[in-house]
N, C-alpha and C. Protein backbone atom coordinates (compact mmCIF):
# COMPACT_ATOMS: atom_id res chain seq x y z
N MET A 1 126.24 -135.49 115.35
CA MET A 1 125.56 -136.41 116.26
C MET A 1 124.10 -135.98 116.40
N ALA A 2 123.19 -136.94 116.26
CA ALA A 2 121.77 -136.62 116.33
C ALA A 2 121.40 -136.25 117.76
N LYS A 3 120.55 -135.26 117.89
CA LYS A 3 120.07 -134.85 119.20
C LYS A 3 118.98 -135.82 119.67
N PRO A 4 118.93 -136.15 120.97
CA PRO A 4 117.90 -137.05 121.47
C PRO A 4 116.53 -136.41 121.34
N ASN A 5 115.54 -137.25 121.07
CA ASN A 5 114.17 -136.76 120.96
C ASN A 5 113.58 -136.56 122.34
N ARG A 6 113.25 -135.34 122.66
CA ARG A 6 112.64 -135.03 123.95
C ARG A 6 111.37 -134.25 123.72
N PRO A 7 110.25 -134.73 124.23
CA PRO A 7 109.00 -134.03 124.00
C PRO A 7 109.04 -132.63 124.59
N SER A 8 108.53 -131.66 123.85
CA SER A 8 108.57 -130.27 124.30
C SER A 8 107.28 -129.85 125.00
N ASN A 9 106.27 -130.73 124.95
CA ASN A 9 104.98 -130.35 125.49
C ASN A 9 104.65 -131.06 126.80
N VAL A 10 105.68 -131.61 127.47
CA VAL A 10 105.44 -132.27 128.75
C VAL A 10 105.07 -131.22 129.79
N PRO A 11 103.92 -131.37 130.46
CA PRO A 11 103.50 -130.33 131.41
C PRO A 11 104.37 -130.31 132.67
N THR A 12 104.52 -129.13 133.22
CA THR A 12 105.21 -128.96 134.50
C THR A 12 104.18 -128.93 135.61
N GLN A 13 104.41 -129.72 136.64
CA GLN A 13 103.51 -129.74 137.79
C GLN A 13 104.24 -129.13 138.99
N THR A 14 103.49 -128.37 139.77
CA THR A 14 104.06 -127.62 140.88
C THR A 14 103.35 -127.99 142.18
N PHE A 15 104.14 -128.16 143.23
CA PHE A 15 103.56 -128.33 144.57
C PHE A 15 104.58 -127.88 145.60
N SER A 16 104.11 -127.61 146.81
CA SER A 16 104.96 -127.06 147.86
C SER A 16 104.92 -127.94 149.11
N LEU A 17 106.02 -127.91 149.86
CA LEU A 17 106.15 -128.65 151.10
C LEU A 17 106.78 -127.77 152.18
N TYR A 18 106.49 -128.11 153.42
CA TYR A 18 107.18 -127.49 154.55
C TYR A 18 108.05 -128.54 155.25
N GLU A 19 109.26 -128.13 155.61
CA GLU A 19 110.13 -128.96 156.44
C GLU A 19 110.26 -128.26 157.80
N ILE A 20 109.98 -129.00 158.87
CA ILE A 20 109.97 -128.41 160.21
C ILE A 20 110.79 -129.27 161.16
N ASN A 21 111.67 -128.62 161.89
CA ASN A 21 112.49 -129.27 162.89
C ASN A 21 111.93 -128.94 164.27
N ASP A 22 111.35 -129.95 164.93
CA ASP A 22 110.79 -129.76 166.27
C ASP A 22 111.81 -130.08 167.36
N LEU A 23 113.06 -130.28 166.98
CA LEU A 23 114.15 -130.56 167.92
C LEU A 23 113.90 -131.83 168.72
N ASP A 24 113.17 -132.79 168.12
CA ASP A 24 112.91 -134.05 168.79
C ASP A 24 113.51 -135.24 168.03
N ARG A 25 114.40 -134.94 167.05
CA ARG A 25 115.01 -136.01 166.26
C ARG A 25 116.55 -135.96 166.33
N ASP A 26 117.08 -135.21 167.30
CA ASP A 26 118.53 -135.02 167.40
C ASP A 26 119.12 -134.50 166.09
N SER A 27 118.38 -133.62 165.45
CA SER A 27 118.80 -133.06 164.16
C SER A 27 118.81 -131.54 164.23
N PRO A 28 119.86 -130.91 163.64
CA PRO A 28 121.02 -131.54 163.01
C PRO A 28 122.21 -131.55 163.95
N PRO A 29 123.09 -132.56 163.88
CA PRO A 29 124.38 -132.46 164.57
C PRO A 29 125.37 -131.69 163.72
N PHE A 30 126.26 -130.96 164.33
CA PHE A 30 127.30 -130.24 163.62
C PHE A 30 128.62 -130.97 163.81
N LEU A 31 129.25 -131.37 162.70
CA LEU A 31 130.48 -132.15 162.76
C LEU A 31 131.64 -131.29 162.26
N PRO A 32 132.44 -130.72 163.16
CA PRO A 32 133.50 -129.76 162.79
C PRO A 32 134.76 -130.45 162.29
N PHE A 33 134.73 -130.91 161.02
CA PHE A 33 135.85 -131.65 160.45
C PHE A 33 136.85 -130.78 159.70
N SER A 34 136.54 -129.52 159.47
CA SER A 34 137.41 -128.69 158.66
C SER A 34 138.73 -128.42 159.37
N VAL A 35 139.73 -128.08 158.57
CA VAL A 35 141.04 -127.69 159.13
C VAL A 35 140.87 -126.52 160.08
N LEU A 36 139.98 -125.60 159.72
CA LEU A 36 139.72 -124.43 160.55
C LEU A 36 139.31 -124.82 161.95
N ASN A 37 138.44 -125.83 162.06
CA ASN A 37 137.96 -126.22 163.37
C ASN A 37 138.89 -127.20 164.07
N VAL A 38 139.45 -128.13 163.31
CA VAL A 38 140.33 -129.12 163.93
C VAL A 38 141.55 -128.47 164.56
N ASN A 39 142.09 -127.44 163.87
CA ASN A 39 143.30 -126.78 164.36
C ASN A 39 143.02 -125.51 165.15
N SER A 40 141.76 -125.23 165.40
CA SER A 40 141.41 -123.98 166.07
C SER A 40 141.92 -123.96 167.51
N LYS A 41 142.64 -122.90 167.88
CA LYS A 41 143.08 -122.75 169.26
C LYS A 41 141.89 -122.63 170.19
N GLN A 42 140.78 -122.12 169.63
CA GLN A 42 139.59 -121.94 170.45
C GLN A 42 139.02 -123.27 170.91
N ASN A 43 139.11 -124.31 170.05
CA ASN A 43 138.45 -125.56 170.34
C ASN A 43 139.39 -126.70 170.67
N LYS A 44 140.66 -126.61 170.25
CA LYS A 44 141.57 -127.73 170.34
C LYS A 44 141.73 -128.19 171.79
N GLY A 45 141.49 -129.50 171.98
CA GLY A 45 141.71 -130.09 173.28
C GLY A 45 140.66 -129.78 174.32
N LYS A 46 139.54 -129.17 173.91
CA LYS A 46 138.54 -128.78 174.90
C LYS A 46 137.28 -129.62 174.86
N GLY A 47 137.26 -130.62 173.98
CA GLY A 47 136.14 -131.55 173.96
C GLY A 47 134.79 -130.87 173.87
N PHE A 48 133.89 -131.29 174.75
CA PHE A 48 132.53 -130.79 174.73
C PHE A 48 132.47 -129.29 174.97
N LEU A 49 133.31 -128.78 175.86
CA LEU A 49 133.30 -127.35 176.15
C LEU A 49 133.72 -126.55 174.91
N GLY A 50 134.68 -127.08 174.15
CA GLY A 50 135.09 -126.42 172.91
C GLY A 50 133.97 -126.42 171.89
N TRP A 51 133.28 -127.57 171.79
CA TRP A 51 132.13 -127.65 170.87
C TRP A 51 131.05 -126.66 171.27
N LEU A 52 130.80 -126.57 172.58
CA LEU A 52 129.76 -125.67 173.07
C LEU A 52 130.12 -124.22 172.79
N LYS A 53 131.41 -123.88 172.94
CA LYS A 53 131.86 -122.52 172.66
C LYS A 53 131.70 -122.19 171.18
N ASN A 54 132.00 -123.18 170.33
CA ASN A 54 131.83 -122.98 168.89
C ASN A 54 130.36 -122.79 168.53
N LEU A 55 129.49 -123.57 169.17
CA LEU A 55 128.06 -123.43 168.93
C LEU A 55 127.58 -122.05 169.33
N ARG A 56 128.06 -121.57 170.48
CA ARG A 56 127.66 -120.23 170.94
C ARG A 56 128.11 -119.16 169.96
N SER A 57 129.33 -119.31 169.43
CA SER A 57 129.81 -118.32 168.46
C SER A 57 129.00 -118.40 167.18
N THR A 58 128.52 -119.61 166.83
CA THR A 58 127.68 -119.77 165.65
C THR A 58 126.36 -119.03 165.82
N LEU A 59 125.74 -119.20 166.97
CA LEU A 59 124.44 -118.58 167.20
C LEU A 59 124.54 -117.06 167.20
N SER A 60 125.68 -116.52 167.57
CA SER A 60 125.84 -115.07 167.60
C SER A 60 126.27 -114.51 166.25
N GLY A 61 126.67 -115.39 165.33
CA GLY A 61 127.14 -114.94 164.03
C GLY A 61 128.65 -114.81 163.96
N ALA A 62 129.35 -114.93 165.08
CA ALA A 62 130.81 -114.86 165.09
C ALA A 62 131.40 -116.26 165.01
N HIS A 63 130.86 -117.07 164.11
CA HIS A 63 131.17 -118.48 164.06
C HIS A 63 132.51 -118.75 163.38
N VAL A 64 132.95 -120.01 163.46
CA VAL A 64 134.21 -120.39 162.84
C VAL A 64 134.02 -121.61 161.95
N HIS A 65 132.89 -121.71 161.28
CA HIS A 65 132.70 -122.82 160.36
C HIS A 65 133.70 -122.75 159.23
N GLY A 66 134.15 -123.90 158.74
CA GLY A 66 135.12 -123.94 157.66
C GLY A 66 134.75 -124.99 156.63
N ILE A 67 135.39 -124.92 155.46
CA ILE A 67 135.11 -125.86 154.39
C ILE A 67 135.40 -127.29 154.86
N GLY A 68 134.42 -128.15 154.69
CA GLY A 68 134.56 -129.53 155.12
C GLY A 68 133.75 -129.87 156.35
N ASP A 69 133.28 -128.86 157.10
CA ASP A 69 132.38 -129.14 158.22
C ASP A 69 131.09 -129.74 157.68
N LEU A 70 130.58 -130.77 158.34
CA LEU A 70 129.41 -131.51 157.87
C LEU A 70 128.23 -131.32 158.81
N VAL A 71 127.03 -131.34 158.23
CA VAL A 71 125.80 -131.23 159.01
C VAL A 71 124.79 -132.25 158.48
N PRO A 72 124.73 -133.46 159.06
CA PRO A 72 123.66 -134.40 158.71
C PRO A 72 122.36 -133.98 159.38
N PHE A 73 121.23 -134.27 158.73
CA PHE A 73 119.95 -133.82 159.26
C PHE A 73 118.81 -134.74 158.84
N SER A 74 117.73 -134.70 159.60
CA SER A 74 116.48 -135.38 159.26
C SER A 74 115.36 -134.67 159.99
N ASN A 75 114.39 -134.13 159.23
CA ASN A 75 113.31 -133.35 159.81
C ASN A 75 111.95 -133.79 159.27
N LYS A 76 110.89 -133.26 159.85
CA LYS A 76 109.53 -133.64 159.47
C LYS A 76 109.05 -132.86 158.25
N LEU A 77 108.23 -133.52 157.44
CA LEU A 77 107.66 -132.91 156.24
C LEU A 77 106.15 -132.82 156.33
N TYR A 78 105.62 -131.67 155.89
CA TYR A 78 104.17 -131.44 155.81
C TYR A 78 103.83 -130.88 154.44
N ASP A 79 102.58 -131.06 154.05
CA ASP A 79 102.15 -130.47 152.77
C ASP A 79 102.07 -128.96 152.91
N GLY A 80 101.84 -128.28 151.77
CA GLY A 80 101.83 -126.82 151.78
C GLY A 80 100.73 -126.21 152.59
N SER A 81 99.64 -126.97 152.85
CA SER A 81 98.54 -126.44 153.67
C SER A 81 98.75 -126.71 155.15
N LEU A 82 99.80 -127.46 155.48
CA LEU A 82 100.15 -127.80 156.87
C LEU A 82 99.05 -128.59 157.56
N THR A 83 98.30 -129.38 156.77
CA THR A 83 97.23 -130.21 157.33
C THR A 83 97.52 -131.70 157.17
N LEU A 84 98.67 -132.05 156.58
CA LEU A 84 98.97 -133.45 156.31
C LEU A 84 100.46 -133.72 156.55
N ARG A 85 100.76 -134.66 157.43
CA ARG A 85 102.15 -135.10 157.64
C ARG A 85 102.53 -136.02 156.49
N LEU A 86 103.63 -135.71 155.83
CA LEU A 86 104.04 -136.46 154.65
C LEU A 86 105.13 -137.47 154.93
N GLY A 87 106.05 -137.15 155.82
CA GLY A 87 107.19 -138.02 156.08
C GLY A 87 108.35 -137.25 156.65
N ILE A 88 109.54 -137.50 156.11
CA ILE A 88 110.75 -136.86 156.63
C ILE A 88 111.70 -136.50 155.49
N THR A 89 112.65 -135.64 155.81
CA THR A 89 113.83 -135.46 154.97
C THR A 89 114.98 -136.25 155.60
N ALA A 90 115.98 -136.56 154.79
CA ALA A 90 117.18 -137.20 155.31
C ALA A 90 118.32 -136.84 154.38
N GLY A 91 119.39 -136.25 154.94
CA GLY A 91 120.47 -135.85 154.05
C GLY A 91 121.69 -135.34 154.78
N LEU A 92 122.58 -134.76 153.97
CA LEU A 92 123.87 -134.29 154.47
C LEU A 92 124.25 -133.01 153.75
N THR A 93 124.75 -132.02 154.49
CA THR A 93 125.26 -130.80 153.89
C THR A 93 126.72 -130.60 154.32
N MET A 94 127.48 -129.93 153.45
CA MET A 94 128.88 -129.63 153.75
C MET A 94 129.14 -128.15 153.52
N VAL A 95 129.79 -127.52 154.48
CA VAL A 95 130.12 -126.11 154.36
C VAL A 95 131.12 -125.91 153.22
N ILE A 96 130.82 -124.99 152.29
CA ILE A 96 131.78 -124.65 151.24
C ILE A 96 132.18 -123.18 151.30
N ARG A 97 131.48 -122.40 152.11
CA ARG A 97 131.89 -121.02 152.34
C ARG A 97 131.17 -120.50 153.58
N ASN A 98 131.87 -119.69 154.37
CA ASN A 98 131.20 -119.05 155.51
C ASN A 98 131.21 -117.55 155.34
N TYR A 99 130.33 -116.89 156.06
CA TYR A 99 130.15 -115.44 155.96
C TYR A 99 130.23 -114.83 157.36
N PRO A 100 131.42 -114.67 157.90
CA PRO A 100 131.56 -114.10 159.24
C PRO A 100 130.90 -112.72 159.33
N GLY A 101 130.25 -112.48 160.45
CA GLY A 101 129.63 -111.18 160.67
C GLY A 101 128.24 -111.04 160.09
N LYS A 102 127.66 -112.12 159.54
CA LYS A 102 126.31 -112.05 159.00
C LYS A 102 125.31 -112.81 159.86
N GLY A 103 125.69 -113.10 161.09
CA GLY A 103 124.80 -113.82 161.99
C GLY A 103 123.67 -112.95 162.50
N SER A 104 122.79 -113.56 163.28
CA SER A 104 121.60 -112.87 163.77
C SER A 104 121.94 -111.64 164.61
N ALA A 105 123.07 -111.67 165.30
CA ALA A 105 123.45 -110.53 166.13
C ALA A 105 123.78 -109.30 165.30
N GLN A 106 124.22 -109.53 164.04
CA GLN A 106 124.59 -108.41 163.18
C GLN A 106 123.49 -108.03 162.18
N ASP A 107 122.73 -109.01 161.76
CA ASP A 107 121.72 -108.78 160.72
C ASP A 107 120.36 -109.21 161.24
N LYS A 108 119.56 -108.25 161.68
CA LYS A 108 118.28 -108.56 162.31
C LYS A 108 117.21 -108.98 161.32
N THR A 109 117.48 -108.84 160.01
CA THR A 109 116.45 -109.15 159.01
C THR A 109 116.40 -110.63 158.66
N HIS A 110 117.42 -111.41 159.07
CA HIS A 110 117.46 -112.81 158.74
C HIS A 110 117.56 -113.65 160.01
N PRO A 111 116.51 -114.39 160.35
CA PRO A 111 116.52 -115.19 161.58
C PRO A 111 117.21 -116.53 161.37
N PHE A 112 118.50 -116.52 161.02
CA PHE A 112 119.23 -117.76 160.80
C PHE A 112 120.36 -117.91 161.80
N PHE A 113 120.75 -119.15 162.05
CA PHE A 113 121.86 -119.42 162.96
C PHE A 113 123.16 -119.63 162.21
N PHE A 114 123.11 -120.19 161.01
CA PHE A 114 124.30 -120.58 160.29
C PHE A 114 124.47 -119.75 159.03
N PRO A 115 125.17 -118.62 159.09
CA PRO A 115 125.36 -117.77 157.90
C PRO A 115 126.42 -118.35 156.98
N ASP A 116 126.05 -119.42 156.29
CA ASP A 116 127.00 -120.17 155.47
C ASP A 116 126.36 -120.56 154.14
N ARG A 117 127.23 -121.03 153.24
CA ARG A 117 126.78 -121.71 152.02
C ARG A 117 127.19 -123.17 152.13
N TYR A 118 126.22 -124.04 151.85
CA TYR A 118 126.45 -125.47 151.92
C TYR A 118 126.22 -126.11 150.55
N GLU A 119 126.90 -127.23 150.30
CA GLU A 119 126.52 -128.13 149.22
C GLU A 119 125.69 -129.23 149.89
N THR A 120 124.51 -129.47 149.37
CA THR A 120 123.58 -130.34 150.07
C THR A 120 123.05 -131.45 149.18
N MET A 121 122.86 -132.62 149.75
CA MET A 121 122.28 -133.77 149.07
C MET A 121 121.30 -134.43 150.03
N TYR A 122 120.02 -134.50 149.62
CA TYR A 122 119.06 -135.13 150.52
C TYR A 122 117.83 -135.62 149.79
N THR A 123 116.99 -136.34 150.55
CA THR A 123 115.82 -137.01 149.99
C THR A 123 114.58 -136.65 150.80
N PHE A 124 113.48 -136.45 150.09
CA PHE A 124 112.17 -136.21 150.68
C PHE A 124 111.41 -137.54 150.63
N TYR A 125 111.11 -138.11 151.79
CA TYR A 125 110.35 -139.37 151.85
C TYR A 125 108.87 -139.05 152.06
N LEU A 126 108.05 -139.51 151.10
CA LEU A 126 106.65 -139.11 151.05
C LEU A 126 105.70 -140.31 151.08
N GLY A 127 105.89 -141.19 152.05
CA GLY A 127 105.00 -142.31 152.25
C GLY A 127 104.82 -143.16 151.00
N ASP A 128 103.58 -143.60 150.74
CA ASP A 128 103.28 -144.45 149.60
C ASP A 128 103.52 -143.76 148.26
N LEU A 129 103.66 -142.44 148.26
CA LEU A 129 103.89 -141.73 147.00
C LEU A 129 105.31 -141.96 146.47
N GLY A 130 106.22 -142.34 147.35
CA GLY A 130 107.60 -142.56 146.94
C GLY A 130 108.53 -141.53 147.56
N HIS A 131 109.63 -141.23 146.87
CA HIS A 131 110.56 -140.23 147.39
C HIS A 131 111.22 -139.47 146.25
N ILE A 132 111.75 -138.27 146.60
CA ILE A 132 112.44 -137.40 145.65
C ILE A 132 113.80 -137.03 146.23
N SER A 133 114.84 -137.13 145.41
CA SER A 133 116.18 -136.73 145.84
C SER A 133 116.61 -135.45 145.13
N VAL A 134 117.32 -134.58 145.86
CA VAL A 134 117.76 -133.30 145.30
C VAL A 134 119.22 -133.06 145.68
N GLN A 135 119.84 -132.15 144.95
CA GLN A 135 121.21 -131.76 145.24
C GLN A 135 121.43 -130.33 144.78
N GLY A 136 122.29 -129.60 145.51
CA GLY A 136 122.61 -128.24 145.10
C GLY A 136 122.98 -127.36 146.26
N PRO A 137 122.97 -126.05 146.05
CA PRO A 137 123.41 -125.10 147.08
C PRO A 137 122.31 -124.80 148.10
N PHE A 138 122.71 -124.63 149.32
CA PHE A 138 121.82 -124.15 150.39
C PHE A 138 122.52 -122.97 151.04
N ILE A 139 121.99 -121.77 150.83
CA ILE A 139 122.50 -120.56 151.45
C ILE A 139 121.46 -120.10 152.46
N THR A 140 121.86 -119.97 153.71
CA THR A 140 120.87 -119.80 154.76
C THR A 140 120.14 -118.47 154.73
N PHE A 141 120.68 -117.46 154.03
CA PHE A 141 120.05 -116.14 154.06
C PHE A 141 119.51 -115.70 152.70
N GLU A 142 119.39 -116.61 151.73
CA GLU A 142 118.74 -116.29 150.47
C GLU A 142 118.21 -117.56 149.82
N ASP A 143 117.23 -117.42 148.92
CA ASP A 143 116.66 -118.57 148.24
C ASP A 143 117.70 -119.22 147.33
N THR A 144 117.58 -120.55 147.19
CA THR A 144 118.44 -121.28 146.27
C THR A 144 117.61 -122.25 145.45
N LEU A 145 118.21 -122.75 144.37
CA LEU A 145 117.52 -123.67 143.47
C LEU A 145 118.27 -125.00 143.48
N LEU A 146 117.57 -126.07 143.83
CA LEU A 146 118.14 -127.41 143.88
C LEU A 146 117.72 -128.20 142.64
N THR A 147 118.57 -129.10 142.19
CA THR A 147 118.27 -129.96 141.06
C THR A 147 117.69 -131.27 141.55
N VAL A 148 116.58 -131.70 140.95
CA VAL A 148 116.01 -133.01 141.25
C VAL A 148 116.88 -134.06 140.55
N THR A 149 117.46 -134.96 141.33
CA THR A 149 118.40 -135.94 140.77
C THR A 149 117.80 -137.32 140.59
N GLY A 150 116.61 -137.55 141.10
CA GLY A 150 115.98 -138.86 140.94
C GLY A 150 114.81 -139.02 141.88
N GLY A 151 114.23 -140.21 141.84
CA GLY A 151 113.10 -140.48 142.69
C GLY A 151 112.62 -141.91 142.55
N ALA A 152 111.54 -142.23 143.24
CA ALA A 152 110.94 -143.55 143.17
C ALA A 152 109.44 -143.40 143.35
N GLY A 153 108.70 -144.46 143.03
CA GLY A 153 107.26 -144.41 143.13
C GLY A 153 106.68 -143.43 142.12
N LEU A 154 105.82 -142.54 142.58
CA LEU A 154 105.23 -141.52 141.72
C LEU A 154 106.30 -140.68 141.03
N PHE A 155 107.46 -140.55 141.65
CA PHE A 155 108.50 -139.64 141.17
C PHE A 155 109.64 -140.38 140.44
N ARG A 156 109.37 -141.60 139.97
CA ARG A 156 110.42 -142.42 139.36
C ARG A 156 111.05 -141.76 138.13
N GLU A 157 110.24 -141.07 137.34
CA GLU A 157 110.75 -140.43 136.13
C GLU A 157 110.86 -138.91 136.30
N ALA A 158 110.84 -138.45 137.53
CA ALA A 158 110.80 -137.00 137.77
C ALA A 158 112.08 -136.31 137.34
N ARG A 159 111.92 -135.14 136.76
CA ARG A 159 113.05 -134.25 136.49
C ARG A 159 112.54 -132.83 136.71
N GLY A 160 113.43 -131.97 137.13
CA GLY A 160 113.02 -130.60 137.39
C GLY A 160 113.86 -129.96 138.48
N VAL A 161 113.25 -128.99 139.16
CA VAL A 161 113.98 -128.22 140.16
C VAL A 161 113.13 -128.05 141.41
N CYS A 162 113.79 -127.63 142.47
CA CYS A 162 113.12 -127.37 143.74
C CYS A 162 113.69 -126.07 144.31
N ARG A 163 112.82 -125.09 144.54
CA ARG A 163 113.26 -123.82 145.14
C ARG A 163 113.17 -123.92 146.66
N LEU A 164 114.30 -123.62 147.31
CA LEU A 164 114.40 -123.69 148.77
C LEU A 164 114.31 -122.28 149.34
N HIS A 165 113.38 -122.09 150.26
CA HIS A 165 113.23 -120.79 150.93
C HIS A 165 113.40 -121.03 152.43
N ASN A 166 114.50 -120.55 152.99
CA ASN A 166 114.80 -120.75 154.40
C ASN A 166 114.07 -119.72 155.25
N LEU A 167 113.15 -120.19 156.08
CA LEU A 167 112.37 -119.29 156.93
C LEU A 167 113.06 -119.03 158.26
N SER A 168 113.70 -120.05 158.79
CA SER A 168 114.41 -119.96 160.06
C SER A 168 115.30 -121.19 160.16
N PRO A 169 116.12 -121.31 161.19
CA PRO A 169 116.94 -122.53 161.31
C PRO A 169 116.10 -123.80 161.42
N PHE A 170 114.81 -123.66 161.73
CA PHE A 170 113.98 -124.83 162.00
C PHE A 170 112.80 -124.97 161.05
N LYS A 171 112.66 -124.08 160.08
CA LYS A 171 111.53 -124.15 159.14
C LYS A 171 112.00 -123.76 157.75
N LEU A 172 111.68 -124.63 156.77
CA LEU A 172 112.02 -124.36 155.37
C LEU A 172 110.78 -124.60 154.51
N PHE A 173 110.71 -123.87 153.41
CA PHE A 173 109.59 -123.98 152.48
C PHE A 173 110.14 -124.32 151.10
N TYR A 174 109.57 -125.34 150.47
CA TYR A 174 110.05 -125.82 149.18
C TYR A 174 108.94 -125.73 148.13
N THR A 175 109.32 -125.36 146.92
CA THR A 175 108.41 -125.40 145.79
C THR A 175 109.05 -126.24 144.69
N PHE A 176 108.40 -127.36 144.37
CA PHE A 176 108.87 -128.25 143.32
C PHE A 176 108.21 -127.91 141.99
N GLN A 177 108.99 -127.96 140.93
CA GLN A 177 108.49 -127.85 139.56
C GLN A 177 109.02 -129.07 138.82
N LEU A 178 108.13 -130.03 138.53
CA LEU A 178 108.54 -131.33 138.03
C LEU A 178 107.88 -131.66 136.70
N LYS A 179 108.60 -132.41 135.89
CA LYS A 179 108.09 -133.00 134.66
C LYS A 179 108.30 -134.51 134.72
N GLY A 180 107.57 -135.23 133.86
CA GLY A 180 107.78 -136.66 133.73
C GLY A 180 107.10 -137.51 134.77
N ILE A 181 106.12 -136.94 135.49
CA ILE A 181 105.43 -137.71 136.53
C ILE A 181 103.93 -137.73 136.27
N PRO A 182 103.22 -138.74 136.82
CA PRO A 182 101.75 -138.74 136.72
C PRO A 182 101.16 -137.54 137.44
N GLU A 183 99.86 -137.38 137.30
CA GLU A 183 99.20 -136.24 137.94
C GLU A 183 99.38 -136.31 139.45
N ILE A 184 99.78 -135.18 140.02
CA ILE A 184 100.02 -135.11 141.46
C ILE A 184 98.70 -135.22 142.22
N PRO A 185 98.62 -136.03 143.27
CA PRO A 185 97.39 -136.14 144.07
C PRO A 185 96.95 -134.79 144.62
N ARG A 186 95.66 -134.64 144.78
CA ARG A 186 95.12 -133.35 145.23
C ARG A 186 95.63 -132.93 146.60
N HIS A 187 95.92 -133.91 147.45
CA HIS A 187 96.35 -133.51 148.80
C HIS A 187 97.75 -132.90 148.80
N LEU A 188 98.47 -132.96 147.68
CA LEU A 188 99.74 -132.25 147.59
C LEU A 188 99.59 -130.87 146.98
N THR A 189 98.40 -130.59 146.44
CA THR A 189 98.19 -129.31 145.77
C THR A 189 97.13 -128.47 146.47
N ALA A 190 96.88 -128.76 147.76
CA ALA A 190 95.93 -127.95 148.53
C ALA A 190 96.46 -126.52 148.67
N LYS A 191 95.57 -125.61 149.04
CA LYS A 191 95.95 -124.21 149.17
C LYS A 191 97.09 -124.05 150.16
N VAL A 192 98.13 -123.35 149.73
CA VAL A 192 99.36 -123.23 150.52
C VAL A 192 99.22 -122.14 151.58
N VAL A 193 99.67 -122.44 152.78
CA VAL A 193 99.77 -121.44 153.83
C VAL A 193 100.93 -120.51 153.50
N GLU A 194 100.71 -119.21 153.57
CA GLU A 194 101.75 -118.23 153.24
C GLU A 194 102.99 -118.47 154.11
N PRO A 195 104.15 -118.64 153.49
CA PRO A 195 105.37 -118.92 154.28
C PRO A 195 105.71 -117.79 155.25
N SER A 196 106.01 -118.15 156.47
CA SER A 196 106.48 -117.20 157.47
C SER A 196 107.15 -117.98 158.58
N VAL A 197 107.90 -117.28 159.41
CA VAL A 197 108.62 -117.95 160.48
C VAL A 197 107.67 -118.50 161.53
N ASP A 198 106.41 -118.07 161.54
CA ASP A 198 105.46 -118.47 162.57
C ASP A 198 104.56 -119.64 162.16
N VAL A 199 104.70 -120.15 160.94
CA VAL A 199 103.80 -121.21 160.50
C VAL A 199 104.01 -122.47 161.34
N LYS A 200 102.94 -123.24 161.47
CA LYS A 200 103.03 -124.53 162.16
C LYS A 200 101.90 -125.43 161.68
N PRO A 201 102.09 -126.75 161.72
CA PRO A 201 101.05 -127.66 161.25
C PRO A 201 99.86 -127.69 162.20
N ILE A 202 98.71 -128.10 161.68
CA ILE A 202 97.58 -128.28 162.57
C ILE A 202 97.90 -129.40 163.55
N GLN A 203 97.26 -129.40 164.71
CA GLN A 203 97.62 -130.32 165.77
C GLN A 203 97.44 -131.78 165.35
N GLU A 204 96.37 -132.08 164.58
CA GLU A 204 96.13 -133.46 164.17
C GLU A 204 97.27 -134.00 163.31
N ALA A 205 97.80 -133.14 162.41
CA ALA A 205 98.93 -133.57 161.57
C ALA A 205 100.20 -133.71 162.40
N ALA A 206 100.40 -132.77 163.33
CA ALA A 206 101.59 -132.85 164.19
C ALA A 206 101.56 -134.11 165.05
N ASN A 207 100.35 -134.55 165.44
CA ASN A 207 100.19 -135.76 166.26
C ASN A 207 100.14 -137.03 165.42
N CYS A 208 100.18 -136.88 164.09
CA CYS A 208 100.10 -138.02 163.16
C CYS A 208 98.83 -138.85 163.38
N GLU A 209 97.72 -138.16 163.55
CA GLU A 209 96.45 -138.85 163.74
C GLU A 209 95.94 -139.41 162.42
N PRO A 210 95.18 -140.52 162.45
CA PRO A 210 94.66 -141.13 161.23
C PRO A 210 93.90 -140.10 160.39
N GLY A 211 94.13 -140.13 159.09
CA GLY A 211 93.51 -139.17 158.19
C GLY A 211 94.31 -137.91 157.99
N TYR A 212 95.36 -137.73 158.79
CA TYR A 212 96.19 -136.53 158.69
C TYR A 212 97.65 -136.88 158.38
N VAL A 213 97.87 -138.10 157.89
CA VAL A 213 99.21 -138.56 157.49
C VAL A 213 99.08 -139.34 156.18
N LEU A 214 100.17 -139.36 155.41
CA LEU A 214 100.22 -140.22 154.24
C LEU A 214 100.36 -141.68 154.68
N PRO A 215 99.75 -142.62 153.97
CA PRO A 215 99.94 -144.04 154.31
C PRO A 215 101.42 -144.41 154.27
N HIS A 216 101.84 -145.17 155.28
CA HIS A 216 103.21 -145.68 155.38
C HIS A 216 104.25 -144.55 155.34
N TYR A 217 103.93 -143.45 155.99
CA TYR A 217 104.88 -142.34 156.04
C TYR A 217 106.09 -142.72 156.91
N SER A 218 107.24 -142.15 156.58
CA SER A 218 108.46 -142.37 157.38
C SER A 218 108.46 -141.45 158.58
N ASP A 219 108.87 -141.96 159.71
CA ASP A 219 108.92 -141.17 160.95
C ASP A 219 110.31 -141.22 161.54
């Protein structure tokens, strides 16, 4: 069988984004659908109080997440320089493994709430530029590599990968390496702010003031 002709000299373009959860979008909700949670003596029949107890155990690292628990989410997106609001993420993750005893109370080097591995599928909405969809593993205490599965607009023919770096439960840093797309606009390739748990967008971008947002950005 003949191999498909694929150009070997297609350039790779790189750019970075920040995802920030300001806790003003009701994101993320935790949906405890796993057998572990549904049948848990700790939570069974306790409604909101059971959910609250499970959340408290999660924050301490003594959590009871199980395979099948779902976490839908939608957060704000900024460029790597944190001077431009780009849009939002929107997606769904499912727990496929938990790591009891690796929470913040036990491991002071990782400021995470959910010491788990998830299978994740989500989309980056980037205003008039279009959108990019990714899928793959999300491990809260180490970097992971997501596969770009498609896109629209500028990213219609995009293929490549996205490296996910979890800074905290509310801040993530992404580096895309893409082929098959037109030249990336300069405002996506501005000098990147060094990733850290303390980063935050400039006030004008956070306020979505004119000139500090992409046209027709999703909110």
